[in-house]
């Protein structure tokens, strides 16, 4: 009886441990099948081998052994740089062109199941489209029409990749490498063009320099002429001022002389002079007038008689004093 109880206890303990282990395993499996989709990612989920759902950002749970994540797809804009491709222009010039494609996955299901190798498909499609476009252009047009080529190839690729769930945003021609001999010819042409521009700039600089020199000489002549004019004006002004001062001096002298004469006459009138004194004063005034700048003198008759009288007196004085 005791052994039976012990056996039963062992069986119960073993069953309990099994249940606990099973619970732990199921918990681990459940935890392992909880998936959290990060931002800008899409999970493509298959159930029993066929497409089931697209999981976007957030937590999701897989059914163990039934569901599986077939593909993780990034929906960010992506950039792929393809190696140079040989292309032939319309005028039979072979050149190497490498391209850069900017694209974005818009449909994870079509991207997963629409094409086997998406990047290889885009690369081959880009090379084919590029050859078709360049084949319609000549070398010069190819080198100068990058924007046109980029626009055309972007439109063609976007339309072709739409069924793969891919949106081509733009395509850029990274490098266009013509043959070596054409590159040498282009370099020589560019060098000649640079030299031509340099000569033109040099000629324009010399022309501007000559113009500036002429303008400087012109301004210098104008300034010298203005200086001479100002100098002449100042000299004329100085002469005018001098004449004015001289005229004012002469006028002042005449005024003083007249004033002195008037005072003398007034004094003479005060002492009641006789006729002989008046005649002598007239003779003195006549003598002062004769010392002036007048070219003609009108001598009064009475002064002439007085002058004769003065001469007679002088002769008498001389006879009385023979030694003098």
Protein backbone atom coordinates (compact mmCIF):
# COMPACT_ATOMS: atom_id res chain seq x y z
CA UNK A 1 0.00 0.00 0.00
CA UNK A 2 2.79 2.32 0.85
CA UNK A 3 4.66 1.51 -2.34
CA UNK A 4 1.54 2.18 -4.40
CA UNK A 5 1.15 5.58 -2.84
CA UNK A 6 4.76 6.38 -3.50
CA UNK A 7 4.45 5.32 -7.13
CA UNK A 8 1.33 7.44 -7.53
CA UNK A 9 3.11 10.40 -6.05
CA UNK A 10 5.97 9.98 -8.47
CA UNK A 11 3.59 9.76 -11.40
CA UNK A 12 1.80 12.88 -10.30
CA UNK A 13 5.08 14.73 -9.87
CA UNK A 14 6.24 13.67 -13.33
CA UNK A 15 2.99 14.78 -14.92
CA UNK A 16 3.20 18.12 -13.15
CA UNK A 17 6.74 18.66 -14.37
CA UNK A 18 5.70 17.73 -17.91
CA UNK A 19 2.84 20.16 -17.81
CA UNK A 20 5.11 22.90 -16.50
CA UNK A 21 7.69 22.20 -19.18
CA UNK A 22 5.00 22.20 -21.83
CA UNK A 23 3.66 25.50 -20.57
CA UNK A 24 7.15 27.03 -20.61
CA UNK A 25 7.75 25.77 -24.15
CA UNK A 26 4.44 27.13 -25.35
CA UNK A 27 5.18 30.45 -23.69
CA UNK A 28 8.59 30.66 -25.35
CA UNK A 29 7.09 29.75 -28.73
CA UNK A 30 4.35 32.36 -28.31
CA UNK A 31 6.89 35.01 -27.34
CA UNK A 32 9.12 34.05 -30.28
CA UNK A 33 6.20 34.42 -32.71
CA UNK A 34 5.28 37.93 -31.60
CA UNK A 35 6.81 40.31 -34.13
CA UNK A 36 7.11 44.06 -33.89
CA UNK A 37 7.38 45.78 -37.29
CA UNK A 38 9.63 48.90 -37.15
CA UNK A 39 8.95 52.22 -38.83
CA UNK A 40 9.33 52.35 -42.65
CA UNK A 41 9.24 48.53 -42.90
CA UNK A 42 6.62 46.13 -44.24
CA UNK A 43 6.53 42.38 -43.51
CA UNK A 44 5.11 40.10 -46.19
CA UNK A 45 3.51 37.11 -44.37
CA UNK A 46 2.67 33.74 -45.95
CA UNK A 47 0.30 31.17 -44.46
CA UNK A 48 0.79 27.60 -45.50
CA UNK A 49 2.92 28.76 -48.45
CA UNK A 50 0.62 31.41 -49.92
CA UNK A 51 0.38 35.15 -49.40
CA UNK A 52 -1.53 36.01 -46.26
CA UNK A 53 -1.00 39.68 -45.28
CA UNK A 54 1.23 42.76 -45.19
CA UNK A 55 2.22 43.76 -41.70
CA UNK A 56 2.97 47.45 -41.13
CA UNK A 57 4.39 49.28 -38.11
CA UNK A 58 3.38 47.74 -34.77
CA UNK A 59 3.15 44.34 -32.97
CA UNK A 60 1.88 41.25 -34.77
CA UNK A 61 1.63 37.51 -33.92
CA UNK A 62 2.53 34.55 -36.12
CA UNK A 63 0.79 31.22 -35.87
CA UNK A 64 3.60 28.79 -35.21
CA UNK A 65 4.39 26.31 -37.98
CA UNK A 66 1.65 27.85 -40.15
CA UNK A 67 2.66 31.47 -40.76
CA UNK A 68 6.07 32.73 -41.84
CA UNK A 69 7.59 36.08 -42.82
CA UNK A 70 8.39 35.73 -46.51
CA UNK A 71 10.12 39.10 -46.95
CA UNK A 72 10.98 42.26 -45.09
CA UNK A 73 10.54 45.27 -47.36
CA UNK A 74 11.84 48.82 -46.77
CA UNK A 75 9.54 51.55 -48.04
CA UNK A 76 12.18 54.29 -47.75
CA UNK A 77 13.50 55.97 -50.90
CA UNK A 78 16.52 54.02 -52.04
CA UNK A 79 19.46 54.86 -54.27
CA UNK A 80 21.29 52.42 -56.50
CA UNK A 81 24.37 53.28 -58.56
CA UNK A 82 24.72 51.12 -61.66
CA UNK A 83 28.07 50.48 -63.31
CA UNK A 84 28.91 52.23 -66.63
CA UNK A 85 27.09 50.90 -69.68
CA UNK A 86 28.44 51.12 -73.27
CA UNK A 87 26.08 53.05 -75.53
CA UNK A 88 26.33 54.19 -79.16
CA UNK A 89 25.15 57.60 -80.32
CA UNK A 90 23.39 58.38 -83.57
CA UNK A 91 26.70 59.40 -85.17
CA UNK A 92 28.32 56.05 -84.17
CA UNK A 93 30.34 57.22 -81.17
CA UNK A 94 30.66 54.66 -78.38
CA UNK A 95 30.71 56.07 -74.88
CA UNK A 96 30.37 54.83 -71.32
CA UNK A 97 27.50 56.15 -69.20
CA UNK A 98 26.75 55.23 -65.59
CA UNK A 99 23.44 56.07 -63.98
CA UNK A 100 22.02 56.62 -60.52
CA UNK A 101 18.41 55.54 -59.90
CA UNK A 102 16.28 56.86 -57.02
CA UNK A 103 13.29 54.62 -56.34
CA UNK A 104 10.80 53.67 -53.64
CA UNK A 105 8.78 50.50 -53.03
CA UNK A 106 5.09 51.33 -52.90
CA UNK A 107 3.58 47.80 -52.97
CA UNK A 108 5.38 45.15 -50.89
CA UNK A 109 3.28 42.27 -52.29
CA UNK A 110 3.99 43.12 -55.95
CA UNK A 111 7.65 43.77 -55.11
CA UNK A 112 7.88 40.32 -53.48
CA UNK A 113 6.00 38.31 -56.08
CA UNK A 114 6.19 40.50 -59.21
CA UNK A 115 9.85 40.02 -60.15
CA UNK A 116 12.54 37.56 -59.10
CA UNK A 117 15.51 39.92 -58.81
CA UNK A 118 14.23 43.50 -58.68
CA UNK A 119 17.60 45.26 -58.71
CA UNK A 120 18.91 43.26 -61.64
CA UNK A 121 15.66 43.90 -63.47
CA UNK A 122 15.91 47.66 -62.88
CA UNK A 123 19.56 47.68 -63.98
CA UNK A 124 18.86 45.83 -67.23
CA UNK A 125 15.81 47.97 -67.94
CA UNK A 126 17.85 51.14 -67.31
CA UNK A 127 20.62 50.02 -69.67
CA UNK A 128 18.14 49.14 -72.42
CA UNK A 129 16.24 52.40 -72.09
CA UNK A 130 19.47 54.39 -72.02
CA UNK A 131 20.69 52.76 -75.24
CA UNK A 132 17.40 53.53 -76.97
CA UNK A 133 17.44 57.20 -75.95
CA UNK A 134 21.13 57.81 -76.69
CA UNK A 135 20.80 56.02 -80.02
CA UNK A 136 18.49 58.81 -81.19
CA UNK A 137 20.95 61.60 -80.24
CA UNK A 138 24.28 62.73 -81.64
CA UNK A 139 27.36 63.20 -79.50
CA UNK A 140 26.98 66.96 -78.98
CA UNK A 141 23.31 66.60 -78.08
CA UNK A 142 24.14 63.80 -75.64
CA UNK A 143 26.69 65.96 -73.84
CA UNK A 144 24.39 68.98 -73.60
CA UNK A 145 21.00 67.32 -73.00
CA UNK A 146 21.36 65.59 -69.65
CA UNK A 147 18.13 67.00 -68.29
CA UNK A 148 16.18 65.79 -71.31
CA UNK A 149 17.71 62.32 -71.07
CA UNK A 150 17.04 62.15 -67.33
CA UNK A 151 13.39 63.11 -67.80
CA UNK A 152 12.80 60.57 -70.58
CA UNK A 153 14.47 57.66 -68.84
CA UNK A 154 12.68 58.43 -65.54
CA UNK A 155 9.26 58.38 -67.22
CA UNK A 156 9.98 55.11 -69.06
CA UNK A 157 11.38 53.31 -66.00
CA UNK A 158 8.56 54.51 -63.74
CA UNK A 159 5.95 53.16 -66.11
CA UNK A 160 7.77 49.83 -66.58
CA UNK A 161 8.40 49.19 -62.86
CA UNK A 162 4.90 50.11 -61.71
CA UNK A 163 3.75 46.48 -62.01
CA UNK A 164 6.61 45.48 -59.69
CA UNK A 165 5.40 47.79 -56.93
CA UNK A 166 8.32 50.19 -57.53
CA UNK A 167 8.08 53.95 -58.00
CA UNK A 168 11.08 55.45 -59.87
CA UNK A 169 11.39 59.03 -58.63
CA UNK A 170 14.27 60.14 -60.83
CA UNK A 171 17.26 58.94 -62.81
CA UNK A 172 20.51 60.87 -63.11
CA UNK A 173 23.34 60.38 -65.59
CA UNK A 174 26.36 60.35 -63.33
CA UNK A 175 29.18 60.31 -65.87
CA UNK A 176 29.37 60.46 -69.66
CA UNK A 177 32.74 59.23 -70.89
CA UNK A 178 33.38 59.55 -74.64
CA UNK A 179 36.40 57.84 -76.31
CA UNK A 180 39.90 59.06 -75.46
CA UNK A 181 40.51 60.78 -78.79
CA UNK A 182 37.23 62.67 -78.51
CA UNK A 183 38.10 63.69 -74.96
CA UNK A 184 41.45 65.04 -76.22
CA UNK A 185 39.70 67.00 -78.96
CA UNK A 186 37.19 68.37 -76.47
CA UNK A 187 39.98 69.39 -74.11
CA UNK A 188 41.78 71.22 -76.94
CA UNK A 189 38.54 72.95 -77.88
CA UNK A 190 37.92 73.96 -74.29
CA UNK A 191 41.50 75.24 -74.01
CA UNK A 192 41.07 77.31 -77.17
CA UNK A 193 37.79 78.66 -75.85
CA UNK A 194 39.42 79.61 -72.55
CA UNK A 195 42.26 81.36 -74.38
CA UNK A 196 39.74 83.22 -76.55
CA UNK A 197 37.80 84.37 -73.51
CA UNK A 198 41.03 85.39 -71.80
CA UNK A 199 42.01 87.53 -74.82
CA UNK A 200 38.56 89.08 -74.90
CA UNK A 201 38.74 89.89 -71.20
CA UNK A 202 42.26 91.26 -71.62
CA UNK A 203 41.15 93.46 -74.54
CA UNK A 204 38.16 94.68 -72.55
CA UNK A 205 40.45 95.43 -69.62
CA UNK A 206 42.84 97.42 -71.83
CA UNK A 207 39.89 99.28 -73.36
CA UNK A 208 38.51 100.16 -69.94
CA UNK A 209 42.00 101.19 -68.80
CA UNK A 210 42.40 103.49 -71.83
CA UNK A 211 38.97 104.97 -71.18
CA UNK A 212 39.85 105.56 -67.54
CA UNK A 213 43.14 107.23 -68.53
CA UNK A 214 41.32 109.47 -71.03
CA UNK A 215 38.71 110.31 -68.42
CA UNK A 216 41.47 111.12 -65.96
CA UNK A 217 43.23 113.41 -68.43
CA UNK A 218 39.92 115.07 -69.25
CA UNK A 219 39.16 115.65 -65.59
CA UNK A 220 42.69 116.95 -65.06
CA UNK A 221 42.33 119.45 -67.92
CA UNK A 222 38.95 120.54 -66.63
CA UNK A 223 40.38 121.02 -63.15
CA UNK A 224 43.37 122.97 -64.52
CA UNK A 225 41.05 125.17 -66.61
CA UNK A 226 38.83 125.78 -63.61
CA UNK A 227 41.90 126.58 -61.50
CA UNK A 228 43.15 129.07 -64.14
CA UNK A 229 39.72 130.61 -64.32
CA UNK A 230 39.55 130.94 -60.56
CA UNK A 231 43.06 132.41 -60.54
CA UNK A 232 42.14 134.99 -63.19
CA UNK A 233 38.98 135.85 -61.32
CA UNK A 234 40.96 136.29 -58.11
CA UNK A 235 43.58 138.45 -59.86
CA UNK A 236 40.86 140.60 -61.46
CA UNK A 237 39.15 140.88 -58.10
CA UNK A 238 42.45 141.93 -56.51
CA UNK A 239 43.03 144.58 -59.22
CA UNK A 240 39.47 145.81 -58.80
CA UNK A 241 39.88 146.01 -55.05
CA UNK A 242 43.18 147.84 -55.51
CA UNK A 243 41.60 150.36 -57.86
CA UNK A 244 38.69 150.80 -55.51
CA UNK A 245 41.09 151.42 -52.64
CA UNK A 246 43.14 153.85 -54.73
CA UNK A 247 39.99 155.67 -55.84
CA UNK A 248 38.79 155.78 -52.27
CA UNK A 249 42.21 157.14 -51.20
CA UNK A 250 42.19 159.79 -53.90
CA UNK A 251 38.62 160.73 -53.05
CA UNK A 252 39.53 160.95 -49.40
CA UNK A 253 42.60 163.10 -50.25
CA UNK A 254 40.51 165.40 -52.44
CA UNK A 255 37.92 165.61 -49.71
CA UNK A 256 40.55 166.51 -47.16
CA UNK A 257 42.09 169.07 -49.54
CA UNK A 258 38.71 170.63 -50.19
CA UNK A 259 38.00 170.64 -46.51
CA UNK A 260 41.33 172.31 -45.79
CA UNK A 261 40.68 174.85 -48.56
CA UNK A 262 37.24 175.55 -47.20
CA UNK A 263 38.66 176.02 -43.71
CA UNK A 264 41.35 178.34 -45.11
CA UNK A 265 38.78 180.38 -46.98
CA UNK A 266 36.65 180.48 -43.87
CA UNK A 267 39.63 181.78 -41.87
CA UNK A 268 40.44 184.31 -44.56
CA UNK A 269 36.88 185.51 -44.54
CA UNK A 270 37.08 185.82 -40.81
CA UNK A 271 40.08 188.22 -40.97
CA UNK A 272 38.64 190.26 -43.96
CA UNK A 273 41.55 189.80 -46.46
CA UNK A 274 42.27 192.43 -49.13
CA UNK A 275 42.29 191.85 -52.86
CA UNK A 276 46.04 191.11 -53.05
CA UNK A 277 45.84 188.28 -50.51
CA UNK A 278 42.92 186.71 -52.35
CA UNK A 279 44.91 186.85 -55.61
CA UNK A 280 47.92 185.19 -53.93
CA UNK A 281 45.72 182.37 -52.54
CA UNK A 282 44.30 181.90 -56.00
CA UNK A 283 47.81 181.61 -57.37
CA UNK A 284 48.62 178.95 -54.76
CA UNK A 285 45.48 177.00 -55.64
CA UNK A 286 46.39 177.29 -59.30
CA UNK A 287 49.85 175.89 -58.53
CA UNK A 288 48.37 172.88 -56.76
CA UNK A 289 46.04 172.29 -59.66
CA UNK A 290 48.99 172.46 -62.07
CA UNK A 291 50.71 169.66 -60.13
CA UNK A 292 47.74 167.32 -60.86
CA UNK A 293 47.09 165.12 -63.86
CA UNK A 294 45.03 167.65 -65.85
CA UNK A 295 46.25 168.13 -69.42
CA UNK A 296 44.51 171.47 -69.98
CA UNK A 297 44.46 174.49 -67.65
CA UNK A 298 42.29 177.57 -68.05
CA UNK A 299 44.06 180.49 -66.38
CA UNK A 300 41.86 183.40 -65.25
CA UNK A 301 42.87 186.84 -66.50
CA UNK A 302 43.34 188.24 -63.04
CA UNK A 303 45.73 185.37 -62.14
CA UNK A 304 47.78 186.15 -65.27
CA UNK A 305 48.17 189.74 -64.16
CA UNK A 306 49.08 188.61 -60.73
CA UNK A 307 51.72 186.32 -62.17
CA UNK A 308 53.22 189.27 -64.03
CA UNK A 309 53.22 191.25 -60.83
CA UNK A 310 54.98 188.42 -59.04
CA UNK A 311 57.65 188.37 -61.76
CA UNK A 312 58.25 192.07 -61.48
CA UNK A 313 58.59 191.81 -57.74
CA UNK A 314 61.08 189.01 -58.17
CA UNK A 315 63.27 191.13 -60.52
CA UNK A 316 63.23 194.06 -58.09
CA UNK A 317 64.29 191.82 -55.22
CA UNK A 318 67.09 190.44 -57.39
CA UNK A 319 68.43 193.91 -58.27
CA UNK A 320 68.43 194.92 -54.60
CA UNK A 321 70.40 191.83 -53.64
CA UNK A 322 72.95 191.24 -56.43
CA UNK A 323 75.01 188.77 -54.33
CA UNK A 324 72.09 186.37 -54.11
